[in-house]
Amino acid sequence: VGDVVKFEQSFGHNVYTMVDSDAYDSCDFAGGTNLGQHIPVDVEIGAEDAGKTLYFGCQIPFHCTSGLMAIAFEVAPVEKKQCKPGKVKKQE
């Protein structure tokens, strides 16, 4: 969370999200979002992504299905730290 994933594609490529693992496995871009075409794309990983797997691919014909222009990665869950109650020294 808080990291940025950089896709450095050039002309003739794009970056789309895919909705789930089935879409990723079949290179199905229905319901996905075009994040950019012909230019580098930065994807910021937000708190809402924690604990999820994110799927991306190039929608240009044969780029995803060849296996060369698709990637999935897991975002680590954010651990919640527990605060222990303690005494606070009173400042004088």
N, C-alpha and C. Protein backbone atom coordinates (compact mmCIF):
# COMPACT_ATOMS: atom_id res chain seq x y z
N VAL A 1 0.85 -1.17 0.00
CA VAL A 1 0.00 0.00 0.00
C VAL A 1 0.90 1.24 0.00
N GLY A 2 0.58 2.16 -0.90
CA GLY A 2 1.39 3.36 -1.03
C GLY A 2 2.45 3.25 -2.10
N ASP A 3 2.68 2.05 -2.63
CA ASP A 3 3.66 1.87 -3.70
C ASP A 3 3.03 2.24 -5.04
N VAL A 4 3.88 2.42 -6.04
CA VAL A 4 3.43 2.71 -7.39
C VAL A 4 4.02 1.67 -8.32
N VAL A 5 3.15 1.04 -9.13
CA VAL A 5 3.59 0.09 -10.14
C VAL A 5 3.68 0.85 -11.45
N LYS A 6 4.83 0.76 -12.12
CA LYS A 6 5.04 1.49 -13.37
C LYS A 6 5.04 0.51 -14.54
N PHE A 7 4.17 0.76 -15.49
CA PHE A 7 4.13 0.01 -16.74
C PHE A 7 4.79 0.89 -17.80
N GLU A 8 5.89 0.45 -18.34
CA GLU A 8 6.67 1.25 -19.30
C GLU A 8 6.43 0.76 -20.73
N GLN A 9 5.17 0.71 -21.15
CA GLN A 9 4.90 0.28 -22.52
C GLN A 9 5.08 1.44 -23.48
N SER A 10 5.19 1.10 -24.73
CA SER A 10 5.39 2.12 -25.76
C SER A 10 4.24 2.04 -26.77
N PHE A 11 4.41 2.67 -27.90
CA PHE A 11 3.40 2.68 -28.95
C PHE A 11 2.99 1.25 -29.29
N GLY A 12 1.72 1.04 -29.47
CA GLY A 12 1.23 -0.28 -29.83
C GLY A 12 0.86 -1.15 -28.64
N HIS A 13 0.81 -0.56 -27.45
CA HIS A 13 0.45 -1.30 -26.25
C HIS A 13 -0.49 -0.46 -25.39
N ASN A 14 -1.20 -1.13 -24.49
CA ASN A 14 -2.03 -0.44 -23.52
C ASN A 14 -2.00 -1.23 -22.21
N VAL A 15 -2.58 -0.67 -21.18
CA VAL A 15 -2.69 -1.35 -19.89
C VAL A 15 -4.15 -1.32 -19.48
N TYR A 16 -4.72 -2.51 -19.33
CA TYR A 16 -6.09 -2.67 -18.86
C TYR A 16 -6.08 -3.45 -17.55
N THR A 17 -7.06 -3.15 -16.69
CA THR A 17 -7.29 -4.01 -15.54
C THR A 17 -8.19 -5.15 -15.99
N MET A 18 -8.14 -6.24 -15.25
CA MET A 18 -9.06 -7.36 -15.45
C MET A 18 -9.76 -7.62 -14.11
N VAL A 19 -11.02 -8.01 -14.16
CA VAL A 19 -11.84 -8.03 -12.95
C VAL A 19 -11.54 -9.17 -11.99
N ASP A 20 -11.02 -10.29 -12.47
CA ASP A 20 -10.74 -11.41 -11.56
C ASP A 20 -9.82 -12.43 -12.23
N SER A 21 -9.55 -13.52 -11.51
CA SER A 21 -8.60 -14.51 -12.02
C SER A 21 -9.12 -15.23 -13.26
N ASP A 22 -10.44 -15.44 -13.35
CA ASP A 22 -10.99 -16.07 -14.56
C ASP A 22 -10.77 -15.18 -15.77
N ALA A 23 -11.02 -13.88 -15.60
CA ALA A 23 -10.78 -12.93 -16.70
C ALA A 23 -9.30 -12.92 -17.08
N TYR A 24 -8.44 -12.96 -16.08
CA TYR A 24 -6.99 -12.98 -16.31
C TYR A 24 -6.60 -14.24 -17.10
N ASP A 25 -7.09 -15.38 -16.66
CA ASP A 25 -6.73 -16.65 -17.32
C ASP A 25 -7.18 -16.70 -18.77
N SER A 26 -8.30 -16.03 -19.09
CA SER A 26 -8.82 -16.07 -20.45
C SER A 26 -8.57 -14.77 -21.22
N CYS A 27 -7.82 -13.83 -20.61
CA CYS A 27 -7.56 -12.52 -21.22
C CYS A 27 -8.87 -11.84 -21.64
N ASP A 28 -9.82 -11.84 -20.71
CA ASP A 28 -11.12 -11.21 -20.92
C ASP A 28 -11.10 -9.83 -20.27
N PHE A 29 -11.21 -8.80 -21.07
CA PHE A 29 -11.12 -7.43 -20.58
C PHE A 29 -12.48 -6.80 -20.28
N ALA A 30 -13.57 -7.57 -20.43
CA ALA A 30 -14.91 -7.05 -20.13
C ALA A 30 -14.96 -6.61 -18.67
N GLY A 31 -15.44 -5.41 -18.45
CA GLY A 31 -15.53 -4.87 -17.10
C GLY A 31 -14.24 -4.26 -16.60
N GLY A 32 -13.17 -4.40 -17.38
CA GLY A 32 -11.88 -3.81 -17.00
C GLY A 32 -11.82 -2.34 -17.37
N THR A 33 -10.73 -1.71 -16.97
CA THR A 33 -10.54 -0.29 -17.22
C THR A 33 -9.28 -0.06 -18.02
N ASN A 34 -9.36 0.76 -19.06
CA ASN A 34 -8.19 1.15 -19.83
C ASN A 34 -7.45 2.22 -19.03
N LEU A 35 -6.25 1.89 -18.55
CA LEU A 35 -5.47 2.83 -17.75
C LEU A 35 -4.57 3.72 -18.58
N GLY A 36 -4.34 3.36 -19.84
CA GLY A 36 -3.50 4.18 -20.71
C GLY A 36 -3.06 3.41 -21.93
N GLN A 37 -2.80 4.15 -22.99
CA GLN A 37 -2.39 3.55 -24.25
C GLN A 37 -1.24 4.33 -24.84
N HIS A 38 -0.22 3.63 -25.32
CA HIS A 38 0.95 4.21 -25.99
C HIS A 38 1.83 5.07 -25.08
N ILE A 39 1.57 5.08 -23.78
CA ILE A 39 2.35 5.90 -22.85
C ILE A 39 2.62 5.10 -21.58
N PRO A 40 3.64 5.44 -20.84
CA PRO A 40 3.85 4.78 -19.54
C PRO A 40 2.66 5.04 -18.62
N VAL A 41 2.34 4.05 -17.79
CA VAL A 41 1.21 4.14 -16.87
C VAL A 41 1.70 3.86 -15.45
N ASP A 42 1.31 4.71 -14.52
CA ASP A 42 1.61 4.50 -13.10
C ASP A 42 0.32 4.10 -12.40
N VAL A 43 0.38 3.03 -11.61
CA VAL A 43 -0.77 2.57 -10.85
C VAL A 43 -0.40 2.65 -9.37
N GLU A 44 -1.11 3.52 -8.65
CA GLU A 44 -0.86 3.65 -7.22
C GLU A 44 -1.65 2.58 -6.48
N ILE A 45 -0.98 1.87 -5.58
CA ILE A 45 -1.62 0.84 -4.79
C ILE A 45 -2.19 1.48 -3.53
N GLY A 46 -3.50 1.45 -3.40
CA GLY A 46 -4.17 2.10 -2.28
C GLY A 46 -4.59 1.11 -1.20
N ALA A 47 -5.06 1.64 -0.10
CA ALA A 47 -5.50 0.81 1.02
C ALA A 47 -6.61 -0.15 0.60
N GLU A 48 -7.45 0.26 -0.35
CA GLU A 48 -8.54 -0.61 -0.80
C GLU A 48 -8.03 -1.84 -1.55
N ASP A 49 -6.76 -1.84 -1.96
CA ASP A 49 -6.17 -2.98 -2.67
C ASP A 49 -5.53 -4.00 -1.74
N ALA A 50 -5.37 -3.66 -0.48
CA ALA A 50 -4.69 -4.54 0.48
C ALA A 50 -5.39 -5.89 0.57
N GLY A 51 -4.60 -6.96 0.47
CA GLY A 51 -5.13 -8.31 0.57
C GLY A 51 -5.75 -8.84 -0.71
N LYS A 52 -5.68 -8.07 -1.79
CA LYS A 52 -6.27 -8.48 -3.07
C LYS A 52 -5.18 -8.87 -4.06
N THR A 53 -5.60 -9.57 -5.11
CA THR A 53 -4.74 -9.82 -6.27
C THR A 53 -5.22 -8.89 -7.37
N LEU A 54 -4.30 -8.16 -7.97
CA LEU A 54 -4.62 -7.23 -9.06
C LEU A 54 -4.16 -7.84 -10.38
N TYR A 55 -4.97 -7.66 -11.43
CA TYR A 55 -4.72 -8.27 -12.73
C TYR A 55 -4.64 -7.18 -13.80
N PHE A 56 -3.62 -7.27 -14.64
CA PHE A 56 -3.40 -6.30 -15.71
C PHE A 56 -2.99 -7.02 -16.99
N GLY A 57 -3.30 -6.41 -18.12
CA GLY A 57 -2.87 -6.98 -19.39
C GLY A 57 -2.99 -5.96 -20.51
N CYS A 58 -2.40 -6.32 -21.64
CA CYS A 58 -2.49 -5.52 -22.86
C CYS A 58 -3.61 -6.10 -23.72
N GLN A 59 -4.55 -5.23 -24.12
CA GLN A 59 -5.73 -5.67 -24.87
C GLN A 59 -5.46 -5.81 -26.38
N ILE A 60 -4.33 -5.36 -26.85
CA ILE A 60 -4.01 -5.49 -28.28
C ILE A 60 -4.02 -6.98 -28.64
N PRO A 61 -4.64 -7.35 -29.77
CA PRO A 61 -4.76 -8.77 -30.12
C PRO A 61 -3.44 -9.54 -30.00
N PHE A 62 -3.52 -10.68 -29.35
CA PHE A 62 -2.44 -11.66 -29.14
C PHE A 62 -1.41 -11.24 -28.09
N HIS A 63 -1.44 -10.01 -27.60
CA HIS A 63 -0.44 -9.59 -26.61
C HIS A 63 -0.67 -10.29 -25.28
N CYS A 64 -1.90 -10.33 -24.82
CA CYS A 64 -2.21 -11.00 -23.55
C CYS A 64 -2.18 -12.52 -23.71
N THR A 65 -2.84 -13.00 -24.76
CA THR A 65 -2.95 -14.45 -24.94
C THR A 65 -1.62 -15.13 -25.18
N SER A 66 -0.62 -14.38 -25.61
CA SER A 66 0.71 -14.97 -25.78
C SER A 66 1.39 -15.18 -24.43
N GLY A 67 0.83 -14.55 -23.38
CA GLY A 67 1.41 -14.66 -22.05
C GLY A 67 2.51 -13.67 -21.77
N LEU A 68 2.85 -12.84 -22.75
CA LEU A 68 3.96 -11.90 -22.59
C LEU A 68 3.51 -10.54 -22.06
N MET A 69 2.22 -10.22 -22.18
CA MET A 69 1.76 -8.88 -21.81
C MET A 69 0.61 -8.96 -20.81
N ALA A 70 0.79 -9.79 -19.78
CA ALA A 70 -0.21 -9.90 -18.71
C ALA A 70 0.54 -10.16 -17.41
N ILE A 71 0.01 -9.61 -16.32
CA ILE A 71 0.65 -9.80 -15.03
C ILE A 71 -0.40 -9.72 -13.92
N ALA A 72 -0.20 -10.54 -12.92
CA ALA A 72 -1.05 -10.50 -11.72
C ALA A 72 -0.11 -10.42 -10.53
N PHE A 73 -0.51 -9.65 -9.53
CA PHE A 73 0.29 -9.63 -8.32
C PHE A 73 -0.58 -9.41 -7.09
N GLU A 74 -0.10 -9.99 -5.99
CA GLU A 74 -0.84 -9.89 -4.73
C GLU A 74 -0.35 -8.70 -3.93
N VAL A 75 -1.29 -7.98 -3.37
CA VAL A 75 -0.97 -6.86 -2.50
C VAL A 75 -1.08 -7.38 -1.07
N ALA A 76 -0.03 -7.21 -0.31
CA ALA A 76 -0.01 -7.71 1.06
C ALA A 76 -1.09 -7.03 1.90
N PRO A 77 -1.69 -7.79 2.80
CA PRO A 77 -2.66 -7.16 3.70
C PRO A 77 -1.96 -6.19 4.64
N VAL A 78 -2.69 -5.18 5.05
CA VAL A 78 -2.13 -4.21 5.99
C VAL A 78 -2.40 -4.73 7.39
N GLU A 79 -1.34 -4.84 8.16
CA GLU A 79 -1.51 -5.30 9.53
C GLU A 79 -1.91 -4.14 10.42
N LYS A 80 -2.94 -4.37 11.19
CA LYS A 80 -3.39 -3.33 12.13
C LYS A 80 -2.62 -3.52 13.42
N LYS A 81 -2.01 -2.47 13.87
CA LYS A 81 -1.26 -2.52 15.12
C LYS A 81 -2.19 -2.21 16.28
N GLN A 82 -2.06 -2.98 17.30
CA GLN A 82 -2.87 -2.78 18.50
C GLN A 82 -2.11 -1.89 19.47
N CYS A 83 -2.75 -0.88 19.92
CA CYS A 83 -2.16 -0.01 20.93
C CYS A 83 -2.49 -0.56 22.30
N LYS A 84 -1.51 -0.61 23.16
CA LYS A 84 -1.74 -1.07 24.52
C LYS A 84 -2.00 0.15 25.40
N PRO A 85 -3.06 0.06 26.17
CA PRO A 85 -3.30 1.20 27.07
C PRO A 85 -2.18 1.30 28.09
N GLY A 86 -1.82 2.48 28.39
CA GLY A 86 -0.76 2.71 29.36
C GLY A 86 -0.96 4.03 30.05
N LYS A 87 -0.14 4.26 30.99
CA LYS A 87 -0.23 5.52 31.71
C LYS A 87 0.53 6.59 30.97
N VAL A 88 -0.03 7.74 30.93
CA VAL A 88 0.61 8.89 30.30
C VAL A 88 1.10 9.81 31.42
N LYS A 89 2.36 10.16 31.32
CA LYS A 89 2.89 11.06 32.36
C LYS A 89 2.32 12.45 32.15
N LYS A 90 1.88 12.98 33.21
CA LYS A 90 1.34 14.33 33.18
C LYS A 90 2.49 15.33 33.16
N GLN A 91 2.46 16.23 32.19
CA GLN A 91 3.51 17.24 32.13
C GLN A 91 3.19 18.39 33.05
N GLU A 92 4.21 18.89 33.68
CA GLU A 92 4.01 20.00 34.63
C GLU A 92 4.42 21.30 34.02
